[in-house]
């Protein structure tokens, strides 16, 4: 099983959940909803200090490269900060 967690926070606004808290929330969700998932199945990608205005972020690009090699079974995104990004990503691909 291959699971990605992607977390992003802009340093400029200071608003929203910390990256660490976003990852914890995603891990808790995975434990509750995908009980067969092991910690070793989860890859965490974190971009701090990058705007949501574009998808040109180092860890996001790395996650996408990894997905092209072997698709993820699941991708965990903290819900609230990513609604707009998910729509933009869906429209771009």
N, C-alpha and C. Protein backbone atom coordinates (compact mmCIF):
# COMPACT_ATOMS: atom_id res chain seq x y z
N UNK A 1 0.85 -1.18 0.00
CA UNK A 1 0.00 0.00 0.00
C UNK A 1 0.90 1.24 0.00
N UNK A 2 0.46 2.25 -0.72
CA UNK A 2 1.23 3.50 -0.81
C UNK A 2 0.28 4.67 -0.53
N UNK A 3 0.61 5.42 0.52
CA UNK A 3 -0.24 6.54 0.95
C UNK A 3 0.63 7.79 1.06
N UNK A 4 0.16 8.88 0.50
CA UNK A 4 0.86 10.17 0.61
C UNK A 4 0.05 11.10 1.51
N UNK A 5 0.78 11.89 2.29
CA UNK A 5 0.19 13.01 3.02
C UNK A 5 0.88 14.25 2.49
N UNK A 6 0.10 15.21 2.03
CA UNK A 6 0.69 16.47 1.57
C UNK A 6 0.20 17.61 2.45
N UNK A 7 1.16 18.38 2.96
CA UNK A 7 0.85 19.49 3.86
C UNK A 7 1.58 20.74 3.36
N UNK A 8 0.87 21.86 3.38
CA UNK A 8 1.46 23.13 2.95
C UNK A 8 0.97 24.24 3.86
N UNK A 9 1.87 25.16 4.14
CA UNK A 9 1.49 26.34 4.92
C UNK A 9 2.35 27.50 4.46
N UNK A 10 1.69 28.62 4.23
CA UNK A 10 2.41 29.83 3.86
C UNK A 10 2.92 30.50 5.13
N UNK A 11 4.20 30.80 5.18
CA UNK A 11 4.76 31.51 6.34
C UNK A 11 4.28 32.95 6.37
N UNK A 12 3.87 33.44 5.23
CA UNK A 12 3.54 34.86 5.12
C UNK A 12 2.26 35.24 5.84
N UNK A 13 1.29 34.34 5.88
CA UNK A 13 0.02 34.71 6.49
C UNK A 13 -0.01 34.41 7.98
N UNK A 14 0.66 33.35 8.41
CA UNK A 14 0.61 32.97 9.80
C UNK A 14 -0.73 32.37 10.21
N UNK A 15 -1.64 32.20 9.26
CA UNK A 15 -2.96 31.65 9.55
C UNK A 15 -2.96 30.15 9.29
N UNK A 16 -3.93 29.47 9.90
CA UNK A 16 -4.13 28.06 9.62
C UNK A 16 -3.35 27.15 10.53
N UNK A 17 -3.56 25.86 10.32
CA UNK A 17 -2.92 24.83 11.12
C UNK A 17 -1.44 24.74 10.78
N UNK A 18 -0.63 24.38 11.77
CA UNK A 18 0.79 24.14 11.51
C UNK A 18 0.91 22.90 10.63
N UNK A 19 2.04 22.80 9.95
CA UNK A 19 2.29 21.63 9.12
C UNK A 19 2.26 20.37 9.97
N UNK A 20 2.88 20.43 11.14
CA UNK A 20 2.93 19.27 12.02
C UNK A 20 1.52 18.82 12.40
N UNK A 21 0.66 19.76 12.75
CA UNK A 21 -0.71 19.42 13.13
C UNK A 21 -1.49 18.86 11.95
N UNK A 22 -1.28 19.40 10.75
CA UNK A 22 -1.95 18.89 9.56
C UNK A 22 -1.58 17.41 9.35
N UNK A 23 -0.30 17.10 9.52
CA UNK A 23 0.17 15.72 9.32
C UNK A 23 -0.43 14.80 10.39
N UNK A 24 -0.45 15.26 11.63
CA UNK A 24 -1.05 14.46 12.72
C UNK A 24 -2.51 14.17 12.42
N UNK A 25 -3.26 15.19 11.99
CA UNK A 25 -4.67 15.00 11.67
C UNK A 25 -4.86 13.98 10.54
N UNK A 26 -4.01 14.06 9.53
CA UNK A 26 -4.10 13.10 8.42
C UNK A 26 -3.76 11.69 8.89
N UNK A 27 -2.72 11.56 9.71
CA UNK A 27 -2.36 10.23 10.21
C UNK A 27 -3.49 9.63 11.06
N UNK A 28 -4.11 10.46 11.89
CA UNK A 28 -5.23 9.98 12.70
C UNK A 28 -6.39 9.54 11.82
N UNK A 29 -6.66 10.30 10.78
CA UNK A 29 -7.73 9.93 9.84
C UNK A 29 -7.42 8.59 9.17
N UNK A 30 -6.18 8.42 8.75
CA UNK A 30 -5.77 7.18 8.09
C UNK A 30 -5.92 6.00 9.07
N UNK A 31 -5.49 6.18 10.30
CA UNK A 31 -5.62 5.09 11.30
C UNK A 31 -7.07 4.69 11.51
N UNK A 32 -7.97 5.68 11.54
CA UNK A 32 -9.39 5.39 11.76
C UNK A 32 -10.05 4.75 10.55
N UNK A 33 -9.66 5.16 9.36
CA UNK A 33 -10.39 4.78 8.16
C UNK A 33 -9.70 3.75 7.26
N UNK A 34 -8.41 3.55 7.48
CA UNK A 34 -7.67 2.55 6.69
C UNK A 34 -6.86 1.72 7.69
N UNK A 35 -7.52 0.88 8.45
CA UNK A 35 -6.85 0.18 9.55
C UNK A 35 -5.70 -0.72 9.11
N UNK A 36 -5.71 -1.16 7.87
CA UNK A 36 -4.62 -2.02 7.40
C UNK A 36 -3.35 -1.23 7.06
N UNK A 37 -3.43 0.09 7.04
CA UNK A 37 -2.27 0.93 6.72
C UNK A 37 -1.24 0.88 7.85
N UNK A 38 0.01 0.76 7.46
CA UNK A 38 1.12 0.79 8.42
C UNK A 38 1.85 2.12 8.26
N UNK A 39 2.57 2.51 9.30
CA UNK A 39 3.36 3.74 9.22
C UNK A 39 4.32 3.71 8.04
N UNK A 40 4.85 2.54 7.74
CA UNK A 40 5.80 2.42 6.63
C UNK A 40 5.14 2.62 5.26
N UNK A 41 3.80 2.59 5.21
CA UNK A 41 3.07 2.82 3.95
C UNK A 41 2.91 4.30 3.65
N UNK A 42 3.17 5.16 4.64
CA UNK A 42 2.85 6.58 4.53
C UNK A 42 4.09 7.40 4.20
N UNK A 43 3.99 8.18 3.13
CA UNK A 43 5.04 9.12 2.74
C UNK A 43 4.51 10.53 2.99
N UNK A 44 5.29 11.35 3.67
CA UNK A 44 4.85 12.70 4.02
C UNK A 44 5.63 13.71 3.19
N UNK A 45 4.90 14.62 2.57
CA UNK A 45 5.47 15.70 1.77
C UNK A 45 5.02 17.01 2.39
N UNK A 46 5.97 17.89 2.72
CA UNK A 46 5.65 19.14 3.41
C UNK A 46 6.31 20.32 2.71
N UNK A 47 5.52 21.32 2.38
CA UNK A 47 6.04 22.56 1.81
C UNK A 47 5.63 23.70 2.74
N UNK A 48 6.61 24.32 3.36
CA UNK A 48 6.31 25.45 4.23
C UNK A 48 6.86 26.72 3.59
N UNK A 49 6.03 27.76 3.63
CA UNK A 49 6.45 29.03 3.08
C UNK A 49 6.15 29.20 1.60
N UNK A 50 5.27 28.36 1.07
CA UNK A 50 4.91 28.44 -0.34
C UNK A 50 3.45 28.84 -0.49
N UNK A 51 3.19 29.70 -1.43
CA UNK A 51 1.84 30.17 -1.70
C UNK A 51 0.99 29.08 -2.33
N UNK A 52 -0.31 29.17 -2.08
CA UNK A 52 -1.26 28.25 -2.73
C UNK A 52 -1.57 28.70 -4.15
N UNK A 53 -1.01 29.83 -4.57
CA UNK A 53 -1.35 30.38 -5.88
C UNK A 53 -0.82 29.56 -7.05
N UNK A 54 0.18 28.71 -6.79
CA UNK A 54 0.66 27.87 -7.88
C UNK A 54 1.08 26.51 -7.34
N UNK A 55 1.28 25.59 -8.23
CA UNK A 55 1.66 24.22 -7.85
C UNK A 55 3.16 23.99 -7.94
N UNK A 56 3.92 25.04 -8.15
CA UNK A 56 5.38 24.94 -8.27
C UNK A 56 6.02 24.97 -6.89
N UNK A 57 5.92 23.82 -6.19
CA UNK A 57 6.48 23.68 -4.84
C UNK A 57 7.32 22.41 -4.81
N UNK A 58 8.49 22.45 -4.19
CA UNK A 58 9.42 21.30 -4.25
C UNK A 58 8.83 19.97 -3.80
N UNK A 59 8.22 19.92 -2.65
CA UNK A 59 7.69 18.65 -2.14
C UNK A 59 6.46 18.20 -2.93
N UNK A 60 5.66 19.15 -3.39
CA UNK A 60 4.51 18.80 -4.22
C UNK A 60 5.00 18.15 -5.52
N UNK A 61 6.02 18.75 -6.13
CA UNK A 61 6.58 18.17 -7.37
C UNK A 61 7.13 16.77 -7.11
N UNK A 62 7.82 16.59 -5.95
CA UNK A 62 8.37 15.29 -5.61
C UNK A 62 7.25 14.25 -5.44
N UNK A 63 6.15 14.66 -4.80
CA UNK A 63 5.01 13.76 -4.63
C UNK A 63 4.45 13.36 -5.99
N UNK A 64 4.32 14.32 -6.90
CA UNK A 64 3.78 14.03 -8.22
C UNK A 64 4.71 13.09 -9.00
N UNK A 65 6.03 13.29 -8.89
CA UNK A 65 6.97 12.39 -9.56
C UNK A 65 6.84 10.98 -9.02
N UNK A 66 6.72 10.86 -7.71
CA UNK A 66 6.55 9.55 -7.09
C UNK A 66 5.26 8.89 -7.57
N UNK A 67 4.19 9.67 -7.69
CA UNK A 67 2.90 9.14 -8.14
C UNK A 67 2.98 8.67 -9.59
N UNK A 68 3.78 9.34 -10.40
CA UNK A 68 3.92 8.91 -11.80
C UNK A 68 4.63 7.56 -11.90
N UNK A 69 5.59 7.32 -10.98
CA UNK A 69 6.32 6.05 -10.98
C UNK A 69 5.44 4.92 -10.48
N UNK A 70 4.73 5.18 -9.39
CA UNK A 70 3.79 4.19 -8.83
C UNK A 70 2.66 4.97 -8.17
N UNK A 71 1.46 4.88 -8.71
CA UNK A 71 0.34 5.66 -8.15
C UNK A 71 0.11 5.36 -6.66
N UNK A 72 -0.34 6.39 -5.96
CA UNK A 72 -0.70 6.24 -4.56
C UNK A 72 -2.07 5.57 -4.48
N UNK A 73 -2.26 4.78 -3.43
CA UNK A 73 -3.58 4.22 -3.16
C UNK A 73 -4.48 5.29 -2.55
N UNK A 74 -3.86 6.16 -1.75
CA UNK A 74 -4.59 7.26 -1.09
C UNK A 74 -3.66 8.46 -0.99
N UNK A 75 -4.26 9.65 -1.04
CA UNK A 75 -3.53 10.89 -0.76
C UNK A 75 -4.30 11.63 0.31
N UNK A 76 -3.64 11.91 1.42
CA UNK A 76 -4.26 12.62 2.53
C UNK A 76 -3.93 14.10 2.45
N UNK A 77 -4.98 14.91 2.46
CA UNK A 77 -4.83 16.36 2.47
C UNK A 77 -5.69 16.92 3.60
N UNK A 78 -5.15 17.79 4.43
CA UNK A 78 -6.02 18.44 5.42
C UNK A 78 -7.12 19.18 4.66
N UNK A 79 -8.36 18.91 4.99
CA UNK A 79 -9.50 19.33 4.17
C UNK A 79 -9.60 20.82 3.91
N UNK A 80 -9.65 21.61 4.93
CA UNK A 80 -9.97 23.02 4.74
C UNK A 80 -8.96 23.79 3.90
N UNK A 81 -7.67 23.72 4.20
CA UNK A 81 -6.75 24.55 3.40
C UNK A 81 -6.61 24.11 1.95
N UNK A 82 -7.09 22.91 1.60
CA UNK A 82 -6.80 22.39 0.27
C UNK A 82 -7.98 22.36 -0.67
N UNK A 83 -9.13 22.84 -0.27
CA UNK A 83 -10.28 22.77 -1.16
C UNK A 83 -10.01 23.47 -2.47
N UNK A 84 -9.47 24.68 -2.41
CA UNK A 84 -9.19 25.43 -3.63
C UNK A 84 -8.06 24.76 -4.42
N UNK A 85 -7.02 24.29 -3.74
CA UNK A 85 -5.91 23.66 -4.43
C UNK A 85 -6.34 22.38 -5.14
N UNK A 86 -7.21 21.60 -4.49
CA UNK A 86 -7.69 20.36 -5.12
C UNK A 86 -8.44 20.67 -6.40
N UNK A 87 -9.26 21.69 -6.38
CA UNK A 87 -9.99 22.07 -7.59
C UNK A 87 -9.00 22.49 -8.68
N UNK A 88 -8.00 23.31 -8.32
CA UNK A 88 -7.03 23.78 -9.30
C UNK A 88 -6.23 22.61 -9.86
N UNK A 89 -5.82 21.66 -8.99
CA UNK A 89 -5.06 20.50 -9.43
C UNK A 89 -5.89 19.64 -10.37
N UNK A 90 -7.15 19.39 -10.00
CA UNK A 90 -8.04 18.58 -10.83
C UNK A 90 -8.20 19.22 -12.22
N UNK A 91 -8.32 20.53 -12.26
CA UNK A 91 -8.49 21.23 -13.53
C UNK A 91 -7.22 21.23 -14.37
N UNK A 92 -6.06 21.14 -13.71
CA UNK A 92 -4.78 21.19 -14.42
C UNK A 92 -4.40 19.85 -15.01
N UNK A 93 -4.99 18.75 -14.51
CA UNK A 93 -4.55 17.42 -14.95
C UNK A 93 -5.66 16.66 -15.55
